[in-house]
Amino acid sequence: MRLPPRNLGSSGAIRFRPRNEAGEDNFTNGLGEKWGQHYRKRLENDFERSMKMGYPYANFQADHAEKVLPLLKEVLNGSRSEQAHSQTATPL
């Protein structure tokens, strides 16, 4: 699993790169279609103004960590679980 690019800066903010240089969706590339879309929608809901920017961020000093960290845990666990299930599923 490849995680969507993000950067935790010294200012206490985490930044997200929604698209790569080729214009592909980093969230679905890193987490799969289901969890990538879930992640994007939750970020758009929780950080509406920031997600409209090309390189959105969440400032942890403003208590946004409480929203982002549980979401990251949820999507990483869900994506990992689906990936493990697809690797062990028997072909039809």
PDB file of N, CA and C in Angstrom:
ATOM      1  N   MET A   1       0.850  -1.161   0.000  1.00  0.00           N
ATOM      2  CA  MET A   1       0.000   0.000   0.000  1.00  0.00           C
ATOM      3  C   MET A   1       0.898   1.227   0.000  1.00  0.00           C
ATOM      4  N   ARG A   2       0.572   2.160  -0.866  1.00  0.00           N
ATOM      5  CA  ARG A   2       1.293   3.418  -0.952  1.00  0.00           C
ATOM      6  C   ARG A   2       0.415   4.512  -0.358  1.00  0.00           C
ATOM      7  N   LEU A   3       0.910   5.214   0.652  1.00  0.00           N
ATOM      8  CA  LEU A   3       0.115   6.252   1.295  1.00  0.00           C
ATOM      9  C   LEU A   3       0.044   7.500   0.433  1.00  0.00           C
ATOM     10  N   PRO A   4      -1.077   8.233   0.493  1.00  0.00           N
ATOM     11  CA  PRO A   4      -1.161   9.504  -0.209  1.00  0.00           C
ATOM     12  C   PRO A   4      -0.107  10.461   0.331  1.00  0.00           C
ATOM     13  N   PRO A   5       0.540  11.228  -0.543  1.00  0.00           N
ATOM     14  CA  PRO A   5       1.554  12.162  -0.075  1.00  0.00           C
ATOM     15  C   PRO A   5       0.991  13.136   0.945  1.00  0.00           C
ATOM     16  N   ARG A   6       1.738  13.356   1.987  1.00  0.00           N
ATOM     17  CA  ARG A   6       1.379  14.318   2.992  1.00  0.00           C
ATOM     18  C   ARG A   6       2.665  14.797   3.630  1.00  0.00           C
ATOM     19  N   ASN A   7       2.598  15.912   4.305  1.00  0.00           N
ATOM     20  CA  ASN A   7       3.777  16.496   4.901  1.00  0.00           C
ATOM     21  C   ASN A   7       3.405  17.094   6.241  1.00  0.00           C
ATOM     22  N   LEU A   8       4.094  16.689   7.293  1.00  0.00           N
ATOM     23  CA  LEU A   8       3.894  17.283   8.603  1.00  0.00           C
ATOM     24  C   LEU A   8       5.007  18.296   8.787  1.00  0.00           C
ATOM     25  N   GLY A   9       4.640  19.564   8.727  1.00  0.00           N
ATOM     26  CA  GLY A   9       5.630  20.634   8.779  1.00  0.00           C
ATOM     27  C   GLY A   9       5.963  21.058  10.189  1.00  0.00           C
ATOM     28  N   SER A  10       7.020  21.829  10.302  1.00  0.00           N
ATOM     29  CA  SER A  10       7.465  22.321  11.602  1.00  0.00           C
ATOM     30  C   SER A  10       6.480  23.321  12.200  1.00  0.00           C
ATOM     31  N   SER A  11       5.579  23.838  11.387  1.00  0.00           N
ATOM     32  CA  SER A  11       4.583  24.791  11.878  1.00  0.00           C
ATOM     33  C   SER A  11       3.434  24.090  12.604  1.00  0.00           C
ATOM     34  N   GLY A  12       3.428  22.777  12.606  1.00  0.00           N
ATOM     35  CA  GLY A  12       2.356  22.033  13.262  1.00  0.00           C
ATOM     36  C   GLY A  12       1.171  21.794  12.342  1.00  0.00           C
ATOM     37  N   ALA A  13       1.404  21.813  11.048  1.00  0.00           N
ATOM     38  CA  ALA A  13       0.323  21.591  10.081  1.00  0.00           C
ATOM     39  C   ALA A  13       0.646  20.366   9.243  1.00  0.00           C
ATOM     40  N   ILE A  14      -0.394  19.636   8.876  1.00  0.00           N
ATOM     41  CA  ILE A  14      -0.223  18.524   7.947  1.00  0.00           C
ATOM     42  C   ILE A  14      -0.824  18.971   6.618  1.00  0.00           C
ATOM     43  N   ARG A  15      -0.116  18.698   5.531  1.00  0.00           N
ATOM     44  CA  ARG A  15      -0.566  19.080   4.192  1.00  0.00           C
ATOM     45  C   ARG A  15      -0.871  17.818   3.401  1.00  0.00           C
ATOM     46  N   PHE A  16      -1.802  17.932   2.487  1.00  0.00           N
ATOM     47  CA  PHE A  16      -2.230  16.811   1.653  1.00  0.00           C
ATOM     48  C   PHE A  16      -2.059  17.183   0.187  1.00  0.00           C
ATOM     49  N   ARG A  17      -1.578  16.269  -0.609  1.00  0.00           N
ATOM     50  CA  ARG A  17      -1.491  16.481  -2.056  1.00  0.00           C
ATOM     51  C   ARG A  17      -2.570  15.633  -2.712  1.00  0.00           C
ATOM     52  N   PRO A  18      -3.718  16.221  -3.018  1.00  0.00           N
ATOM     53  CA  PRO A  18      -4.824  15.453  -3.580  1.00  0.00           C
ATOM     54  C   PRO A  18      -4.512  14.834  -4.943  1.00  0.00           C
ATOM     55  N   ARG A  19      -3.661  15.474  -5.734  1.00  0.00           N
ATOM     56  CA  ARG A  19      -3.336  14.961  -7.075  1.00  0.00           C
ATOM     57  C   ARG A  19      -1.831  14.962  -7.269  1.00  0.00           C
ATOM     58  N   ASN A  20      -1.361  13.996  -8.058  1.00  0.00           N
ATOM     59  CA  ASN A  20       0.060  13.959  -8.377  1.00  0.00           C
ATOM     60  C   ASN A  20       0.337  14.794  -9.632  1.00  0.00           C
ATOM     61  N   GLU A  21       1.575  14.811 -10.084  1.00  0.00           N
ATOM     62  CA  GLU A  21       1.972  15.616 -11.237  1.00  0.00           C
ATOM     63  C   GLU A  21       1.229  15.209 -12.509  1.00  0.00           C
ATOM     64  N   ALA A  22       0.807  13.960 -12.598  1.00  0.00           N
ATOM     65  CA  ALA A  22       0.075  13.470 -13.771  1.00  0.00           C
ATOM     66  C   ALA A  22      -1.424  13.757 -13.662  1.00  0.00           C
ATOM     67  N   GLY A  23      -1.850  14.370 -12.555  1.00  0.00           N
ATOM     68  CA  GLY A  23      -3.265  14.686 -12.365  1.00  0.00           C
ATOM     69  C   GLY A  23      -4.082  13.545 -11.795  1.00  0.00           C
ATOM     70  N   GLU A  24      -3.420  12.461 -11.377  1.00  0.00           N
ATOM     71  CA  GLU A  24      -4.120  11.311 -10.808  1.00  0.00           C
ATOM     72  C   GLU A  24      -4.463  11.576  -9.348  1.00  0.00           C
ATOM     73  N   ASP A  25      -5.524  10.970  -8.877  1.00  0.00           N
ATOM     74  CA  ASP A  25      -5.974  11.140  -7.504  1.00  0.00           C
ATOM     75  C   ASP A  25      -5.060  10.358  -6.563  1.00  0.00           C
ATOM     76  N   ASN A  26      -4.321  11.066  -5.727  1.00  0.00           N
ATOM     77  CA  ASN A  26      -3.405  10.414  -4.786  1.00  0.00           C
ATOM     78  C   ASN A  26      -4.126   9.610  -3.714  1.00  0.00           C
ATOM     79  N   PHE A  27      -5.331  10.031  -3.342  1.00  0.00           N
ATOM     80  CA  PHE A  27      -6.052   9.315  -2.300  1.00  0.00           C
ATOM     81  C   PHE A  27      -6.464   7.926  -2.783  1.00  0.00           C
ATOM     82  N   THR A  28      -7.018   7.820  -3.991  1.00  0.00           N
ATOM     83  CA  THR A  28      -7.413   6.499  -4.491  1.00  0.00           C
ATOM     84  C   THR A  28      -6.192   5.688  -4.910  1.00  0.00           C
ATOM     85  N   ASN A  29      -5.145   6.335  -5.400  1.00  0.00           N
ATOM     86  CA  ASN A  29      -3.921   5.607  -5.729  1.00  0.00           C
ATOM     87  C   ASN A  29      -3.311   4.962  -4.494  1.00  0.00           C
ATOM     88  N   GLY A  30      -3.359   5.663  -3.367  1.00  0.00           N
ATOM     89  CA  GLY A  30      -2.726   5.175  -2.152  1.00  0.00           C
ATOM     90  C   GLY A  30      -3.590   4.269  -1.305  1.00  0.00           C
ATOM     91  N   LEU A  31      -4.913   4.490  -1.344  1.00  0.00           N
ATOM     92  CA  LEU A  31      -5.801   3.764  -0.432  1.00  0.00           C
ATOM     93  C   LEU A  31      -6.819   2.889  -1.132  1.00  0.00           C
ATOM     94  N   GLY A  32      -6.854   2.903  -2.439  1.00  0.00           N
ATOM     95  CA  GLY A  32      -7.872   2.176  -3.188  1.00  0.00           C
ATOM     96  C   GLY A  32      -9.086   3.064  -3.399  1.00  0.00           C
ATOM     97  N   GLU A  33      -9.946   2.663  -4.301  1.00  0.00           N
ATOM     98  CA  GLU A  33     -11.100   3.488  -4.685  1.00  0.00           C
ATOM     99  C   GLU A  33     -12.020   3.789  -3.494  1.00  0.00           C
ATOM    100  N   LYS A  34     -12.456   2.754  -2.800  1.00  0.00           N
ATOM    101  CA  LYS A  34     -13.421   2.940  -1.707  1.00  0.00           C
ATOM    102  C   LYS A  34     -12.862   3.829  -0.598  1.00  0.00           C
ATOM    103  N   TRP A  35     -11.705   3.485  -0.061  1.00  0.00           N
ATOM    104  CA  TRP A  35     -11.154   4.214   1.073  1.00  0.00           C
ATOM    105  C   TRP A  35     -10.566   5.554   0.664  1.00  0.00           C
ATOM    106  N   GLY A  36     -10.049   5.654  -0.544  1.00  0.00           N
ATOM    107  CA  GLY A  36      -9.544   6.931  -1.036  1.00  0.00           C
ATOM    108  C   GLY A  36     -10.654   7.955  -1.174  1.00  0.00           C
ATOM    109  N   GLN A  37     -11.799   7.514  -1.706  1.00  0.00           N
ATOM    110  CA  GLN A  37     -12.943   8.420  -1.836  1.00  0.00           C
ATOM    111  C   GLN A  37     -13.508   8.783  -0.464  1.00  0.00           C
ATOM    112  N   HIS A  38     -13.557   7.810   0.436  1.00  0.00           N
ATOM    113  CA  HIS A  38     -14.036   8.075   1.800  1.00  0.00           C
ATOM    114  C   HIS A  38     -13.142   9.129   2.478  1.00  0.00           C
ATOM    115  N   TYR A  39     -11.846   8.952   2.354  1.00  0.00           N
ATOM    116  CA  TYR A  39     -10.867   9.874   2.939  1.00  0.00           C
ATOM    117  C   TYR A  39     -11.062  11.282   2.377  1.00  0.00           C
ATOM    118  N   ARG A  40     -11.161  11.379   1.044  1.00  0.00           N
ATOM    119  CA  ARG A  40     -11.338  12.678   0.394  1.00  0.00           C
ATOM    120  C   ARG A  40     -12.624  13.353   0.874  1.00  0.00           C
ATOM    121  N   LYS A  41     -13.720  12.617   0.896  1.00  0.00           N
ATOM    122  CA  LYS A  41     -15.002  13.201   1.297  1.00  0.00           C
ATOM    123  C   LYS A  41     -14.975  13.690   2.739  1.00  0.00           C
ATOM    124  N   ARG A  42     -14.364  12.917   3.622  1.00  0.00           N
ATOM    125  CA  ARG A  42     -14.279  13.342   5.019  1.00  0.00           C
ATOM    126  C   ARG A  42     -13.403  14.577   5.170  1.00  0.00           C
ATOM    127  N   LEU A  43     -12.282  14.625   4.430  1.00  0.00           N
ATOM    128  CA  LEU A  43     -11.437  15.820   4.480  1.00  0.00           C
ATOM    129  C   LEU A  43     -12.182  17.028   3.932  1.00  0.00           C
ATOM    130  N   GLU A  44     -12.934  16.825   2.840  1.00  0.00           N
ATOM    131  CA  GLU A  44     -13.707  17.931   2.261  1.00  0.00           C
ATOM    132  C   GLU A  44     -14.781  18.412   3.235  1.00  0.00           C
ATOM    133  N   ASN A  45     -15.357  17.488   3.993  1.00  0.00           N
ATOM    134  CA  ASN A  45     -16.375  17.855   4.969  1.00  0.00           C
ATOM    135  C   ASN A  45     -15.760  18.576   6.174  1.00  0.00           C
ATOM    136  N   ASP A  46     -14.675  18.033   6.700  1.00  0.00           N
ATOM    137  CA  ASP A  46     -14.066  18.576   7.910  1.00  0.00           C
ATOM    138  C   ASP A  46     -13.216  19.824   7.647  1.00  0.00           C
ATOM    139  N   PHE A  47     -12.657  19.925   6.449  1.00  0.00           N
ATOM    140  CA  PHE A  47     -11.752  21.028   6.108  1.00  0.00           C
ATOM    141  C   PHE A  47     -12.168  21.637   4.771  1.00  0.00           C
ATOM    142  N   GLU A  48     -13.414  22.049   4.688  1.00  0.00           N
ATOM    143  CA  GLU A  48     -14.014  22.510   3.433  1.00  0.00           C
ATOM    144  C   GLU A  48     -13.188  23.605   2.755  1.00  0.00           C
ATOM    145  N   ARG A  49     -12.862  24.634   3.482  1.00  0.00           N
ATOM    146  CA  ARG A  49     -12.128  25.754   2.887  1.00  0.00           C
ATOM    147  C   ARG A  49     -10.734  25.332   2.432  1.00  0.00           C
ATOM    148  N   SER A  50     -10.042  24.601   3.277  1.00  0.00           N
ATOM    149  CA  SER A  50      -8.688  24.175   2.961  1.00  0.00           C
ATOM    150  C   SER A  50      -8.640  23.205   1.778  1.00  0.00           C
ATOM    151  N   MET A  51      -9.614  22.304   1.690  1.00  0.00           N
ATOM    152  CA  MET A  51      -9.606  21.304   0.618  1.00  0.00           C
ATOM    153  C   MET A  51      -9.880  21.913  -0.758  1.00  0.00           C
ATOM    154  N   LYS A  52     -10.355  23.129  -0.805  1.00  0.00           N
ATOM    155  CA  LYS A  52     -10.553  23.794  -2.094  1.00  0.00           C
ATOM    156  C   LYS A  52      -9.234  24.307  -2.661  1.00  0.00           C
ATOM    157  N   MET A  53      -8.208  24.340  -1.834  1.00  0.00           N
ATOM    158  CA  MET A  53      -6.887  24.774  -2.272  1.00  0.00           C
ATOM    159  C   MET A  53      -6.189  23.613  -2.980  1.00  0.00           C
ATOM    160  N   GLY A  54      -5.204  23.915  -3.786  1.00  0.00           N
ATOM    161  CA  GLY A  54      -4.469  22.876  -4.500  1.00  0.00           C
ATOM    162  C   GLY A  54      -3.604  22.019  -3.605  1.00  0.00           C
ATOM    163  N   TYR A  55      -3.225  22.542  -2.456  1.00  0.00           N
ATOM    164  CA  TYR A  55      -2.341  21.831  -1.524  1.00  0.00           C
ATOM    165  C   TYR A  55      -2.878  22.071  -0.114  1.00  0.00           C
ATOM    166  N   PRO A  56      -4.023  21.440   0.230  1.00  0.00           N
ATOM    167  CA  PRO A  56      -4.706  21.726   1.492  1.00  0.00           C
ATOM    168  C   PRO A  56      -3.908  21.298   2.718  1.00  0.00           C
ATOM    169  N   TYR A  57      -4.284  21.881   3.839  1.00  0.00           N
ATOM    170  CA  TYR A  57      -3.599  21.574   5.089  1.00  0.00           C
ATOM    171  C   TYR A  57      -4.573  21.602   6.263  1.00  0.00           C
ATOM    172  N   ALA A  58      -4.136  20.999   7.349  1.00  0.00           N
ATOM    173  CA  ALA A  58      -4.854  21.068   8.620  1.00  0.00           C
ATOM    174  C   ALA A  58      -3.834  21.445   9.678  1.00  0.00           C
ATOM    175  N   ASN A  59      -4.086  22.537  10.381  1.00  0.00           N
ATOM    176  CA  ASN A  59      -3.172  23.017  11.401  1.00  0.00           C
ATOM    177  C   ASN A  59      -3.450  22.294  12.714  1.00  0.00           C
ATOM    178  N   PHE A  60      -2.495  21.485  13.165  1.00  0.00           N
ATOM    179  CA  PHE A  60      -2.684  20.723  14.393  1.00  0.00           C
ATOM    180  C   PHE A  60      -2.726  21.621  15.628  1.00  0.00           C
ATOM    181  N   GLN A  61      -2.097  22.772  15.547  1.00  0.00           N
ATOM    182  CA  GLN A  61      -2.106  23.676  16.694  1.00  0.00           C
ATOM    183  C   GLN A  61      -3.507  24.225  16.937  1.00  0.00           C
ATOM    184  N   ALA A  62      -4.358  24.168  15.952  1.00  0.00           N
ATOM    185  CA  ALA A  62      -5.736  24.650  16.096  1.00  0.00           C
ATOM    186  C   ALA A  62      -6.689  23.487  16.396  1.00  0.00           C
ATOM    187  N   ASP A  63      -6.181  22.412  17.008  1.00  0.00           N
ATOM    188  CA  ASP A  63      -6.959  21.249  17.427  1.00  0.00           C
ATOM    189  C   ASP A  63      -7.510  20.415  16.272  1.00  0.00           C
ATOM    190  N   HIS A  64      -6.972  20.568  15.093  1.00  0.00           N
ATOM    191  CA  HIS A  64      -7.443  19.758  13.976  1.00  0.00           C
ATOM    192  C   HIS A  64      -6.913  18.329  14.018  1.00  0.00           C
ATOM    193  N   ALA A  65      -5.905  18.081  14.831  1.00  0.00           N
ATOM    194  CA  ALA A  65      -5.381  16.716  14.944  1.00  0.00           C
ATOM    195  C   ALA A  65      -6.475  15.767  15.409  1.00  0.00           C
ATOM    196  N   GLU A  66      -7.389  16.271  16.213  1.00  0.00           N
ATOM    197  CA  GLU A  66      -8.476  15.429  16.720  1.00  0.00           C
ATOM    198  C   GLU A  66      -9.374  14.923  15.602  1.00  0.00           C
ATOM    199  N   LYS A  67      -9.424  15.629  14.478  1.00  0.00           N
ATOM    200  CA  LYS A  67     -10.226  15.194  13.340  1.00  0.00           C
ATOM    201  C   LYS A  67      -9.413  14.321  12.388  1.00  0.00           C
ATOM    202  N   VAL A  68      -8.162  14.701  12.144  1.00  0.00           N
ATOM    203  CA  VAL A  68      -7.357  14.019  11.120  1.00  0.00           C
ATOM    204  C   VAL A  68      -6.829  12.671  11.586  1.00  0.00           C
ATOM    205  N   LEU A  69      -6.307  12.590  12.801  1.00  0.00           N
ATOM    206  CA  LEU A  69      -5.667  11.344  13.228  1.00  0.00           C
ATOM    207  C   LEU A  69      -6.629  10.155  13.299  1.00  0.00           C
ATOM    208  N   PRO A  70      -7.830  10.293  13.861  1.00  0.00           N
ATOM    209  CA  PRO A  70      -8.756   9.152  13.835  1.00  0.00           C
ATOM    210  C   PRO A  70      -9.161   8.781  12.402  1.00  0.00           C
ATOM    211  N   LEU A  71      -9.296   9.775  11.532  1.00  0.00           N
ATOM    212  CA  LEU A  71      -9.636   9.508  10.135  1.00  0.00           C
ATOM    213  C   LEU A  71      -8.520   8.735   9.445  1.00  0.00           C
ATOM    214  N   LEU A  72      -7.280   9.156   9.651  1.00  0.00           N
ATOM    215  CA  LEU A  72      -6.146   8.422   9.072  1.00  0.00           C
ATOM    216  C   LEU A  72      -6.130   6.973   9.559  1.00  0.00           C
ATOM    217  N   LYS A  73      -6.344   6.774  10.845  1.00  0.00           N
ATOM    218  CA  LYS A  73      -6.363   5.413  11.392  1.00  0.00           C
ATOM    219  C   LYS A  73      -7.472   4.596  10.739  1.00  0.00           C
ATOM    220  N   GLU A  74      -8.654   5.189  10.595  1.00  0.00           N
ATOM    221  CA  GLU A  74      -9.792   4.491   9.990  1.00  0.00           C
ATOM    222  C   GLU A  74      -9.492   4.070   8.554  1.00  0.00           C
ATOM    223  N   VAL A  75      -9.004   4.998   7.736  1.00  0.00           N
ATOM    224  CA  VAL A  75      -8.800   4.663   6.324  1.00  0.00           C
ATOM    225  C   VAL A  75      -7.614   3.732   6.129  1.00  0.00           C
ATOM    226  N   LEU A  76      -6.564   3.878   6.937  1.00  0.00           N
ATOM    227  CA  LEU A  76      -5.430   2.966   6.815  1.00  0.00           C
ATOM    228  C   LEU A  76      -5.811   1.549   7.216  1.00  0.00           C
ATOM    229  N   ASN A  77      -6.537   1.409   8.312  1.00  0.00           N
ATOM    230  CA  ASN A  77      -6.985   0.077   8.741  1.00  0.00           C
ATOM    231  C   ASN A  77      -7.943  -0.534   7.726  1.00  0.00           C
ATOM    232  N   GLY A  78      -8.883   0.257   7.220  1.00  0.00           N
ATOM    233  CA  GLY A  78      -9.838  -0.248   6.232  1.00  0.00           C
ATOM    234  C   GLY A  78      -9.162  -0.660   4.944  1.00  0.00           C
ATOM    235  N   SER A  79      -8.257   0.173   4.467  1.00  0.00           N
ATOM    236  CA  SER A  79      -7.548  -0.125   3.230  1.00  0.00           C
ATOM    237  C   SER A  79      -6.665  -1.359   3.385  1.00  0.00           C
ATOM    238  N   ARG A  80      -5.965  -1.444   4.503  1.00  0.00           N
ATOM    239  CA  ARG A  80      -5.105  -2.599   4.769  1.00  0.00           C
ATOM    240  C   ARG A  80      -5.919  -3.883   4.845  1.00  0.00           C
ATOM    241  N   SER A  81      -7.069  -3.810   5.498  1.00  0.00           N
ATOM    242  CA  SER A  81      -7.940  -4.966   5.642  1.00  0.00           C
ATOM    243  C   SER A  81      -8.452  -5.436   4.283  1.00  0.00           C
ATOM    244  N   GLU A  82      -8.873  -4.500   3.445  1.00  0.00           N
ATOM    245  CA  GLU A  82      -9.355  -4.869   2.112  1.00  0.00           C
ATOM    246  C   GLU A  82      -8.237  -5.433   1.254  1.00  0.00           C
ATOM    247  N   GLN A  83      -7.053  -4.849   1.374  1.00  0.00           N
ATOM    248  CA  GLN A  83      -5.917  -5.342   0.593  1.00  0.00           C
ATOM    249  C   GLN A  83      -5.569  -6.764   1.014  1.00  0.00           C
ATOM    250  N   ALA A  84      -5.564  -7.022   2.302  1.00  0.00           N
ATOM    251  CA  ALA A  84      -5.267  -8.377   2.799  1.00  0.00           C
ATOM    252  C   ALA A  84      -6.342  -9.357   2.347  1.00  0.00           C
ATOM    253  N   HIS A  85      -7.604  -8.922   2.372  1.00  0.00           N
ATOM    254  CA  HIS A  85      -8.697  -9.790   1.946  1.00  0.00           C
ATOM    255  C   HIS A  85      -8.586 -10.119   0.466  1.00  0.00           C
ATOM    256  N   SER A  86      -8.238  -9.141  -0.354  1.00  0.00           N
ATOM    257  CA  SER A  86      -8.153  -9.390  -1.805  1.00  0.00           C
ATOM    258  C   SER A  86      -6.970 -10.299  -2.127  1.00  0.00           C
ATOM    259  N   GLN A  87      -5.921 -10.278  -1.300  1.00  0.00           N
ATOM    260  CA  GLN A  87      -4.773 -11.140  -1.550  1.00  0.00           C
ATOM    261  C   GLN A  87      -5.039 -12.575  -1.136  1.00  0.00           C
ATOM    262  N   THR A  88      -5.987 -12.787  -0.227  1.00  0.00           N
ATOM    263  CA  THR A  88      -6.273 -14.149   0.233  1.00  0.00           C
ATOM    264  C   THR A  88      -7.523 -14.740  -0.418  1.00  0.00           C
ATOM    265  N   ALA A  89      -8.279 -13.888  -1.132  1.00  0.00           N
ATOM    266  CA  ALA A  89      -9.489 -14.384  -1.792  1.00  0.00           C
ATOM    267  C   ALA A  89      -9.131 -15.354  -2.906  1.00  0.00           C
ATOM    268  N   THR A  90      -9.932 -16.384  -3.050  1.00  0.00           N
ATOM    269  CA  THR A  90      -9.692 -17.351  -4.121  1.00  0.00           C
ATOM    270  C   THR A  90     -10.391 -16.877  -5.401  1.00  0.00           C
ATOM    271  N   PRO A  91      -9.718 -17.025  -6.546  1.00  0.00           N
ATOM    272  CA  PRO A  91     -10.334 -16.604  -7.801  1.00  0.00           C
ATOM    273  C   PRO A  91     -11.549 -17.452  -8.137  1.00  0.00           C
ATOM    274  N   LEU A  92     -12.523 -16.840  -8.803  1.00  0.00           N
ATOM    275  CA  LEU A  92     -13.732 -17.568  -9.202  1.00  0.00           C
ATOM    276  C   LEU A  92     -13.495 -18.421 -10.418  1.00  0.00           C
TER     277      LEU A  92
END
